[in-house]
Structure formats: C-alpha cells, structure tokens
Amino acid sequence: DWTDAIYPIMDIHAAKTNSSATALCTDFDFCAQ
C-alpha cells in the first residue's frame, strides 16, 4: 500500500497519494501507485 505503508517508510520526494498509472509524473521526483 503506497499511502499507508511504503510512503511513510521511504525518504523520497514523491506524491503521498496514489498517482495515475497513465499520467506523466510531473510535480514530484517520483510518483507511485
């Protein structure tokens, strides 16, 4: 689970919520689902 498990244990500049798999990642260094 990105929002409740992986995001809290990672130290990267990423979107906190799930990103769309088909949308270009633009606002963060990383996007995730």
PDB file of all heavy atoms in Angstrom:
ATOM      1  N   ASP A   1       0.858  -1.175   0.000  1.00  0.00           N
ATOM      2  CA  ASP A   1       0.000   0.000   0.000  1.00  0.00           C
ATOM      3  C   ASP A   1       0.900   1.233   0.000  1.00  0.00           C
ATOM      4  O   ASP A   1       1.699   1.403   0.914  1.00  0.00           O
ATOM      5  CB  ASP A   1      -0.890  -0.029   1.249  1.00  0.00           C
ATOM      6  CG  ASP A   1      -1.862   1.117   1.299  1.00  0.00           C
ATOM      7  OD1 ASP A   1      -1.417   2.273   1.465  1.00  0.00           O
ATOM      8  OD2 ASP A   1      -3.073   0.865   1.183  1.00  0.00           O
ATOM      9  N   TRP A   2       0.804   2.059  -1.019  1.00  0.00           N
ATOM     10  CA  TRP A   2       1.689   3.215  -1.120  1.00  0.00           C
ATOM     11  C   TRP A   2       1.442   4.212   0.012  1.00  0.00           C
ATOM     12  O   TRP A   2       2.352   4.572   0.748  1.00  0.00           O
ATOM     13  CB  TRP A   2       1.537   3.899  -2.481  1.00  0.00           C
ATOM     14  CG  TRP A   2       2.280   5.197  -2.559  1.00  0.00           C
ATOM     15  CD1 TRP A   2       1.746   6.441  -2.663  1.00  0.00           C
ATOM     16  CD2 TRP A   2       3.698   5.383  -2.519  1.00  0.00           C
ATOM     17  NE1 TRP A   2       2.745   7.385  -2.693  1.00  0.00           N
ATOM     18  CE2 TRP A   2       3.952   6.762  -2.603  1.00  0.00           C
ATOM     19  CE3 TRP A   2       4.787   4.512  -2.405  1.00  0.00           C
ATOM     20  CZ2 TRP A   2       5.236   7.295  -2.596  1.00  0.00           C
ATOM     21  CZ3 TRP A   2       6.071   5.037  -2.392  1.00  0.00           C
ATOM     22  CH2 TRP A   2       6.289   6.412  -2.487  1.00  0.00           C
ATOM     23  N   THR A   3       0.215   4.657   0.174  1.00  0.00           N
ATOM     24  CA  THR A   3      -0.088   5.736   1.109  1.00  0.00           C
ATOM     25  C   THR A   3       0.130   5.345   2.567  1.00  0.00           C
ATOM     26  O   THR A   3       0.696   6.120   3.342  1.00  0.00           O
ATOM     27  CB  THR A   3      -1.545   6.209   0.912  1.00  0.00           C
ATOM     28  OG1 THR A   3      -1.710   6.582  -0.456  1.00  0.00           O
ATOM     29  CG2 THR A   3      -1.866   7.392   1.790  1.00  0.00           C
ATOM     30  N   ASP A   4      -0.279   4.138   2.952  1.00  0.00           N
ATOM     31  CA  ASP A   4      -0.249   3.754   4.365  1.00  0.00           C
ATOM     32  C   ASP A   4       0.927   2.873   4.761  1.00  0.00           C
ATOM     33  O   ASP A   4       1.099   2.588   5.945  1.00  0.00           O
ATOM     34  CB  ASP A   4      -1.552   3.027   4.730  1.00  0.00           C
ATOM     35  CG  ASP A   4      -2.760   3.949   4.642  1.00  0.00           C
ATOM     36  OD1 ASP A   4      -2.606   5.146   4.929  1.00  0.00           O
ATOM     37  OD2 ASP A   4      -3.837   3.476   4.256  1.00  0.00           O
ATOM     38  N   ALA A   5       1.746   2.430   3.806  1.00  0.00           N
ATOM     39  CA  ALA A   5       2.850   1.536   4.170  1.00  0.00           C
ATOM     40  C   ALA A   5       4.195   1.969   3.589  1.00  0.00           C
ATOM     41  O   ALA A   5       5.156   2.158   4.321  1.00  0.00           O
ATOM     42  CB  ALA A   5       2.534   0.104   3.751  1.00  0.00           C
ATOM     43  N   ILE A   6       4.267   2.108   2.291  1.00  0.00           N
ATOM     44  CA  ILE A   6       5.560   2.377   1.662  1.00  0.00           C
ATOM     45  C   ILE A   6       5.944   3.851   1.764  1.00  0.00           C
ATOM     46  O   ILE A   6       7.075   4.185   2.129  1.00  0.00           O
ATOM     47  CB  ILE A   6       5.579   1.894   0.194  1.00  0.00           C
ATOM     48  CG1 ILE A   6       5.259   0.392   0.127  1.00  0.00           C
ATOM     49  CG2 ILE A   6       6.922   2.198  -0.448  1.00  0.00           C
ATOM     50  CD1 ILE A   6       6.226  -0.495   0.887  1.00  0.00           C
ATOM     51  N   TYR A   7       5.043   4.753   1.470  1.00  0.00           N
ATOM     52  CA  TYR A   7       5.369   6.183   1.553  1.00  0.00           C
ATOM     53  C   TYR A   7       5.917   6.571   2.935  1.00  0.00           C
ATOM     54  O   TYR A   7       6.935   7.262   3.017  1.00  0.00           O
ATOM     55  CB  TYR A   7       4.154   7.042   1.186  1.00  0.00           C
ATOM     56  CG  TYR A   7       4.436   8.518   1.288  1.00  0.00           C
ATOM     57  CD1 TYR A   7       5.064   9.185   0.243  1.00  0.00           C
ATOM     58  CD2 TYR A   7       4.103   9.244   2.431  1.00  0.00           C
ATOM     59  CE1 TYR A   7       5.351  10.532   0.331  1.00  0.00           C
ATOM     60  CE2 TYR A   7       4.388  10.590   2.522  1.00  0.00           C
ATOM     61  CZ  TYR A   7       5.016  11.233   1.475  1.00  0.00           C
ATOM     62  OH  TYR A   7       5.309  12.573   1.580  1.00  0.00           O
ATOM     63  N   PRO A   8       5.293   6.122   4.032  1.00  0.00           N
ATOM     64  CA  PRO A   8       5.811   6.530   5.348  1.00  0.00           C
ATOM     65  C   PRO A   8       7.216   6.001   5.679  1.00  0.00           C
ATOM     66  O   PRO A   8       7.892   6.573   6.536  1.00  0.00           O
ATOM     67  CB  PRO A   8       4.795   5.947   6.337  1.00  0.00           C
ATOM     68  CG  PRO A   8       3.571   5.668   5.546  1.00  0.00           C
ATOM     69  CD  PRO A   8       4.034   5.377   4.156  1.00  0.00           C
ATOM     70  N   ILE A   9       7.659   4.932   5.019  1.00  0.00           N
ATOM     71  CA  ILE A   9       8.977   4.381   5.360  1.00  0.00           C
ATOM     72  C   ILE A   9      10.062   4.823   4.376  1.00  0.00           C
ATOM     73  O   ILE A   9      11.235   4.522   4.579  1.00  0.00           O
ATOM     74  CB  ILE A   9       8.957   2.838   5.456  1.00  0.00           C
ATOM     75  CG1 ILE A   9       8.622   2.188   4.121  1.00  0.00           C
ATOM     76  CG2 ILE A   9       8.005   2.390   6.557  1.00  0.00           C
ATOM     77  CD1 ILE A   9       8.722   0.670   4.106  1.00  0.00           C
ATOM     78  N   MET A  10       9.668   5.511   3.315  1.00  0.00           N
ATOM     79  CA  MET A  10      10.635   5.981   2.313  1.00  0.00           C
ATOM     80  C   MET A  10      10.930   7.456   2.538  1.00  0.00           C
ATOM     81  O   MET A  10      10.067   8.215   2.959  1.00  0.00           O
ATOM     82  CB  MET A  10      10.073   5.782   0.904  1.00  0.00           C
ATOM     83  CG  MET A  10       9.853   4.348   0.511  1.00  0.00           C
ATOM     84  SD  MET A  10      11.367   3.423   0.276  1.00  0.00           S
ATOM     85  CE  MET A  10      11.935   4.136  -1.255  1.00  0.00           C
ATOM     86  N   ASP A  11      12.123   7.856   2.216  1.00  0.00           N
ATOM     87  CA  ASP A  11      12.514   9.251   2.338  1.00  0.00           C
ATOM     88  C   ASP A  11      12.840   9.782   0.940  1.00  0.00           C
ATOM     89  O   ASP A  11      13.999   9.994   0.609  1.00  0.00           O
ATOM     90  CB  ASP A  11      13.712   9.377   3.271  1.00  0.00           C
ATOM     91  CG  ASP A  11      14.059  10.829   3.589  1.00  0.00           C
ATOM     92  OD1 ASP A  11      13.200  11.708   3.386  1.00  0.00           O
ATOM     93  OD2 ASP A  11      15.190  11.075   4.007  1.00  0.00           O
ATOM     94  N   ILE A  12      11.793   9.917   0.125  1.00  0.00           N
ATOM     95  CA  ILE A  12      11.960  10.426  -1.231  1.00  0.00           C
ATOM     96  C   ILE A  12      10.913  11.490  -1.499  1.00  0.00           C
ATOM     97  O   ILE A  12       9.854  11.506  -0.868  1.00  0.00           O
ATOM     98  CB  ILE A  12      11.876   9.312  -2.304  1.00  0.00           C
ATOM     99  CG1 ILE A  12      10.535   8.588  -2.273  1.00  0.00           C
ATOM    100  CG2 ILE A  12      13.018   8.319  -2.151  1.00  0.00           C
ATOM    101  CD1 ILE A  12      10.353   7.559  -3.387  1.00  0.00           C
ATOM    102  N   HIS A  13      11.191  12.383  -2.427  1.00  0.00           N
ATOM    103  CA  HIS A  13      10.260  13.442  -2.807  1.00  0.00           C
ATOM    104  C   HIS A  13       9.246  12.843  -3.783  1.00  0.00           C
ATOM    105  O   HIS A  13       9.497  12.771  -4.985  1.00  0.00           O
ATOM    106  CB  HIS A  13      11.020  14.609  -3.443  1.00  0.00           C
ATOM    107  CG  HIS A  13      10.140  15.749  -3.807  1.00  0.00           C
ATOM    108  ND1 HIS A  13       9.995  16.175  -5.098  1.00  0.00           N
ATOM    109  CD2 HIS A  13       9.350  16.543  -3.056  1.00  0.00           C
ATOM    110  CE1 HIS A  13       9.157  17.185  -5.133  1.00  0.00           C
ATOM    111  NE2 HIS A  13       8.751  17.437  -3.897  1.00  0.00           N
ATOM    112  N   ALA A  14       8.142  12.377  -3.226  1.00  0.00           N
ATOM    113  CA  ALA A  14       7.132  11.692  -4.027  1.00  0.00           C
ATOM    114  C   ALA A  14       5.739  12.154  -3.620  1.00  0.00           C
ATOM    115  O   ALA A  14       5.532  12.656  -2.518  1.00  0.00           O
ATOM    116  CB  ALA A  14       7.249  10.184  -3.832  1.00  0.00           C
ATOM    117  N   ALA A  15       4.798  11.947  -4.521  1.00  0.00           N
ATOM    118  CA  ALA A  15       3.400  12.220  -4.217  1.00  0.00           C
ATOM    119  C   ALA A  15       2.963  11.276  -3.094  1.00  0.00           C
ATOM    120  O   ALA A  15       3.270  10.092  -3.125  1.00  0.00           O
ATOM    121  CB  ALA A  15       2.545  11.997  -5.459  1.00  0.00           C
ATOM    122  N   LYS A  16       2.258  11.811  -2.102  1.00  0.00           N
ATOM    123  CA  LYS A  16       1.827  10.994  -0.964  1.00  0.00           C
ATOM    124  C   LYS A  16       0.664  10.075  -1.326  1.00  0.00           C
ATOM    125  O   LYS A  16       0.515   9.006  -0.755  1.00  0.00           O
ATOM    126  CB  LYS A  16       1.439  11.890   0.208  1.00  0.00           C
ATOM    127  CG  LYS A  16       1.079  11.127   1.451  1.00  0.00           C
ATOM    128  CD  LYS A  16       0.809  12.026   2.629  1.00  0.00           C
ATOM    129  CE  LYS A  16       0.511  11.193   3.856  1.00  0.00           C
ATOM    130  NZ  LYS A  16       0.342  12.012   5.037  1.00  0.00           N
ATOM    131  N   THR A  17      -0.135  10.479  -2.281  1.00  0.00           N
ATOM    132  CA  THR A  17      -1.283   9.668  -2.675  1.00  0.00           C
ATOM    133  C   THR A  17      -0.959   8.902  -3.954  1.00  0.00           C
ATOM    134  O   THR A  17       0.004   9.221  -4.652  1.00  0.00           O
ATOM    135  CB  THR A  17      -2.528  10.547  -2.904  1.00  0.00           C
ATOM    136  OG1 THR A  17      -2.211  11.512  -3.907  1.00  0.00           O
ATOM    137  CG2 THR A  17      -2.940  11.246  -1.619  1.00  0.00           C
ATOM    138  N   ASN A  18      -1.755   7.910  -4.255  1.00  0.00           N
ATOM    139  CA  ASN A  18      -1.565   7.121  -5.472  1.00  0.00           C
ATOM    140  C   ASN A  18      -1.654   8.018  -6.705  1.00  0.00           C
ATOM    141  O   ASN A  18      -2.534   8.866  -6.796  1.00  0.00           O
ATOM    142  CB  ASN A  18      -2.617   6.023  -5.577  1.00  0.00           C
ATOM    143  CG  ASN A  18      -2.329   4.869  -4.666  1.00  0.00           C
ATOM    144  OD1 ASN A  18      -1.196   4.433  -4.556  1.00  0.00           O
ATOM    145  ND2 ASN A  18      -3.352   4.362  -4.002  1.00  0.00           N
ATOM    146  N   SER A  19      -0.736   7.828  -7.613  1.00  0.00           N
ATOM    147  CA  SER A  19      -0.732   8.550  -8.879  1.00  0.00           C
ATOM    148  C   SER A  19      -1.414   7.694  -9.938  1.00  0.00           C
ATOM    149  O   SER A  19      -1.472   6.478  -9.816  1.00  0.00           O
ATOM    150  CB  SER A  19       0.706   8.826  -9.315  1.00  0.00           C
ATOM    151  OG  SER A  19       1.387   9.569  -8.329  1.00  0.00           O
ATOM    152  N   SER A  20      -1.869   8.335 -10.967  1.00  0.00           N
ATOM    153  CA  SER A  20      -2.446   7.598 -12.092  1.00  0.00           C
ATOM    154  C   SER A  20      -1.329   6.916 -12.866  1.00  0.00           C
ATOM    155  O   SER A  20      -0.306   7.536 -13.172  1.00  0.00           O
ATOM    156  CB  SER A  20      -3.202   8.553 -13.012  1.00  0.00           C
ATOM    157  OG  SER A  20      -3.507   7.918 -14.231  1.00  0.00           O
ATOM    158  N   ALA A  21      -1.521   5.660 -13.190  1.00  0.00           N
ATOM    159  CA  ALA A  21      -0.503   4.895 -13.916  1.00  0.00           C
ATOM    160  C   ALA A  21      -0.297   5.418 -15.334  1.00  0.00           C
ATOM    161  O   ALA A  21       0.756   5.217 -15.919  1.00  0.00           O
ATOM    162  CB  ALA A  21      -0.898   3.426 -13.971  1.00  0.00           C
ATOM    163  N   THR A  22      -1.286   6.122 -15.862  1.00  0.00           N
ATOM    164  CA  THR A  22      -1.191   6.601 -17.240  1.00  0.00           C
ATOM    165  C   THR A  22      -0.819   8.077 -17.331  1.00  0.00           C
ATOM    166  O   THR A  22      -0.553   8.569 -18.421  1.00  0.00           O
ATOM    167  CB  THR A  22      -2.516   6.376 -17.979  1.00  0.00           C
ATOM    168  OG1 THR A  22      -3.563   7.040 -17.261  1.00  0.00           O
ATOM    169  CG2 THR A  22      -2.821   4.891 -18.093  1.00  0.00           C
ATOM    170  N   ALA A  23      -0.783   8.771 -16.190  1.00  0.00           N
ATOM    171  CA  ALA A  23      -0.439  10.195 -16.200  1.00  0.00           C
ATOM    172  C   ALA A  23       1.068  10.378 -16.046  1.00  0.00           C
ATOM    173  O   ALA A  23       1.719   9.640 -15.310  1.00  0.00           O
ATOM    174  CB  ALA A  23      -1.173  10.916 -15.076  1.00  0.00           C
ATOM    175  N   LEU A  24       1.589  11.367 -16.734  1.00  0.00           N
ATOM    176  CA  LEU A  24       3.005  11.693 -16.650  1.00  0.00           C
ATOM    177  C   LEU A  24       3.322  12.223 -15.252  1.00  0.00           C
ATOM    178  O   LEU A  24       2.595  13.065 -14.722  1.00  0.00           O
ATOM    179  CB  LEU A  24       3.341  12.757 -17.700  1.00  0.00           C
ATOM    180  CG  LEU A  24       4.805  13.034 -17.978  1.00  0.00           C
ATOM    181  CD1 LEU A  24       5.474  11.802 -18.592  1.00  0.00           C
ATOM    182  CD2 LEU A  24       4.925  14.217 -18.930  1.00  0.00           C
ATOM    183  N   CYS A  25       4.372  11.722 -14.642  1.00  0.00           N
ATOM    184  CA  CYS A  25       4.806  12.201 -13.322  1.00  0.00           C
ATOM    185  C   CYS A  25       5.479  13.554 -13.518  1.00  0.00           C
ATOM    186  O   CYS A  25       6.500  13.640 -14.198  1.00  0.00           O
ATOM    187  CB  CYS A  25       5.772  11.196 -12.695  1.00  0.00           C
ATOM    188  SG  CYS A  25       6.307  11.645 -11.032  1.00  0.00           S
ATOM    189  N   THR A  26       4.892  14.611 -12.945  1.00  0.00           N
ATOM    190  CA  THR A  26       5.423  15.952 -13.183  1.00  0.00           C
ATOM    191  C   THR A  26       5.700  16.755 -11.919  1.00  0.00           C
ATOM    192  O   THR A  26       6.641  17.519 -11.893  1.00  0.00           O
ATOM    193  CB  THR A  26       4.473  16.777 -14.071  1.00  0.00           C
ATOM    194  OG1 THR A  26       3.189  16.834 -13.443  1.00  0.00           O
ATOM    195  CG2 THR A  26       4.344  16.180 -15.460  1.00  0.00           C
ATOM    196  N   ASP A  27       4.908  16.635 -10.896  1.00  0.00           N
ATOM    197  CA  ASP A  27       5.025  17.538  -9.752  1.00  0.00           C
ATOM    198  C   ASP A  27       6.005  17.079  -8.674  1.00  0.00           C
ATOM    199  O   ASP A  27       6.293  17.822  -7.747  1.00  0.00           O
ATOM    200  CB  ASP A  27       3.646  17.752  -9.105  1.00  0.00           C
ATOM    201  CG  ASP A  27       2.694  18.472 -10.050  1.00  0.00           C
ATOM    202  OD1 ASP A  27       3.191  19.235 -10.913  1.00  0.00           O
ATOM    203  OD2 ASP A  27       1.478  18.281  -9.933  1.00  0.00           O
ATOM    204  N   PHE A  28       6.487  15.863  -8.781  1.00  0.00           N
ATOM    205  CA  PHE A  28       7.389  15.293  -7.788  1.00  0.00           C
ATOM    206  C   PHE A  28       8.540  14.592  -8.495  1.00  0.00           C
ATOM    207  O   PHE A  28       8.468  14.316  -9.683  1.00  0.00           O
ATOM    208  CB  PHE A  28       6.635  14.280  -6.907  1.00  0.00           C
ATOM    209  CG  PHE A  28       5.522  14.886  -6.119  1.00  0.00           C
ATOM    210  CD1 PHE A  28       4.234  14.918  -6.632  1.00  0.00           C
ATOM    211  CD2 PHE A  28       5.759  15.427  -4.867  1.00  0.00           C
ATOM    212  CE1 PHE A  28       3.197  15.484  -5.903  1.00  0.00           C
ATOM    213  CE2 PHE A  28       4.730  15.997  -4.143  1.00  0.00           C
ATOM    214  CZ  PHE A  28       3.453  16.028  -4.657  1.00  0.00           C
ATOM    215  N   ASP A  29       9.587  14.246  -7.742  1.00  0.00           N
ATOM    216  CA  ASP A  29      10.682  13.466  -8.315  1.00  0.00           C
ATOM    217  C   ASP A  29      10.206  12.063  -8.667  1.00  0.00           C
ATOM    218  O   ASP A  29      10.703  11.444  -9.591  1.00  0.00           O
ATOM    219  CB  ASP A  29      11.860  13.374  -7.343  1.00  0.00           C
ATOM    220  CG  ASP A  29      12.515  14.725  -7.106  1.00  0.00           C
ATOM    221  OD1 ASP A  29      12.390  15.616  -7.972  1.00  0.00           O
ATOM    222  OD2 ASP A  29      13.154  14.890  -6.057  1.00  0.00           O
ATOM    223  N   PHE A  30       9.225  11.560  -7.876  1.00  0.00           N
ATOM    224  CA  PHE A  30       8.698  10.216  -8.080  1.00  0.00           C
ATOM    225  C   PHE A  30       7.188  10.222  -7.922  1.00  0.00           C
ATOM    226  O   PHE A  30       6.640  10.985  -7.141  1.00  0.00           O
ATOM    227  CB  PHE A  30       9.285   9.230  -7.059  1.00  0.00           C
ATOM    228  CG  PHE A  30      10.760   9.068  -7.154  1.00  0.00           C
ATOM    229  CD1 PHE A  30      11.602   9.809  -6.339  1.00  0.00           C
ATOM    230  CD2 PHE A  30      11.325   8.181  -8.059  1.00  0.00           C
ATOM    231  CE1 PHE A  30      12.974   9.679  -6.420  1.00  0.00           C
ATOM    232  CE2 PHE A  30      12.700   8.040  -8.150  1.00  0.00           C
ATOM    233  CZ  PHE A  30      13.524   8.792  -7.332  1.00  0.00           C
ATOM    234  N   CYS A  31       6.549   9.327  -8.635  1.00  0.00           N
ATOM    235  CA  CYS A  31       5.130   9.053  -8.467  1.00  0.00           C
ATOM    236  C   CYS A  31       5.008   7.569  -8.171  1.00  0.00           C
ATOM    237  O   CYS A  31       5.925   6.789  -8.462  1.00  0.00           O
ATOM    238  CB  CYS A  31       4.348   9.401  -9.728  1.00  0.00           C
ATOM    239  SG  CYS A  31       4.292  11.189 -10.048  1.00  0.00           S
ATOM    240  N   ALA A  32       3.895   7.171  -7.578  1.00  0.00           N
ATOM    241  CA  ALA A  32       3.743   5.770  -7.195  1.00  0.00           C
ATOM    242  C   ALA A  32       2.280   5.373  -7.186  1.00  0.00           C
ATOM    243  O   ALA A  32       1.387   6.213  -7.093  1.00  0.00           O
ATOM    244  CB  ALA A  32       4.358   5.531  -5.824  1.00  0.00           C
ATOM    245  N   GLN A  33       2.092   4.074  -7.263  1.00  0.00           N
ATOM    246  CA  GLN A  33       0.757   3.502  -7.145  1.00  0.00           C
ATOM    247  C   GLN A  33       0.867   2.221  -6.346  1.00  0.00           C
ATOM    248  O   GLN A  33       1.754   1.396  -6.599  1.00  0.00           O
ATOM    249  CB  GLN A  33       0.167   3.227  -8.521  1.00  0.00           C
ATOM    250  CG  GLN A  33      -1.298   2.823  -8.459  1.00  0.00           C
ATOM    251  CD  GLN A  33      -1.866   2.671  -9.841  1.00  0.00           C
ATOM    252  OE1 GLN A  33      -1.610   1.674 -10.498  1.00  0.00           O
ATOM    253  NE2 GLN A  33      -2.643   3.642 -10.271  1.00  0.00           N
TER     254      GLN A  33
END
